[in-house]
């Protein structure tokens, strides 16, 4: 085992705590890649030689230090490569490190019975296409003729999927990689028809996205809305923002605009997701001055609310609609 995939058990909207936890990993290796909002990849090849311990043994030390210093537990997956470590993390739980076998036969056996969506980057649309032809597990995909996979999902995607399903992991850990997007989802307990509840979910999601962006000092240029329905279909809409922003009010307005444009009538909605894309550092983004005292007041209130959440928890301050 050389790669760890760590997911810290952080409260929602507490992405601001991630840099300190990444610093803990960097005590063992400089090759650490952040996976916001609550995870990271760490390449421990050099650390294994330096400390004379395996990656699984070092994972236990990392867990103890995270608990002692930050009061945060973590789930850890270990594997020969980043992809396999991320797959292993799906089975991990706090207190136990899930490790992938190192030999090729063990890796193939580890992956064989898993659904194709267990691979990072394989979405529901690809899984649905493969499932229609009976290719619903990684073992079946790995055994399928390459020409069949390429006909179903494309030449490049088919070749890469077959390699990864067979356990070939060409990925690497990229230190200090910048996240290009942030995503949050609101799932309803029952299929929801009420537009008012849809709007409340969008407000909650936009508030979370805004808080997370400001915590990492980023702004987004594009906002994407995905609406998932009871029949498992989905509608996705994207909107380029007037200016790069992390302002919750602007994100909420854009989310409401995309939702209203869909013209849903008694749609049975199962979940709503927002994704902030094209992230850039906030200090490099231009902001158009409005000379509007109301806008300036809202932004000052937002800054104060962020400080209160950082000190007292993510639910310390919230819009009155959500509190009710």
Foldseek 3Di string as FASTA:
>chain_A
DFKKKKFKPDDALVQLCVVVLVVLLVVQPQQKADDPSGIIMHGRPVSCVVVVHDPQVVVVVSQVVCCVPPVIFMWMEEEPADQNRQLQSVVTDTPHYRYQDHDLVSNLVVQFAAFLPSGPPDDPVNQVQCVVVPRGGLNSLLPDDLVVQCVRPHNVVSVVSNCVSSPNHPDHRHRPDDDFKDKDKDFDPFQDQDVVVVLVRLLVQLLSQLSNCVSVQKWFQKKKKWWAAPVRDIDMDMDGFPWTDSQSVSSSVVSVVVVVVVVDHSTRTGMMMMMGGRMDHNVVTDDDDDPDVVVVVSVVVSVVLSVCCNPPNPVRDDDPVNVD
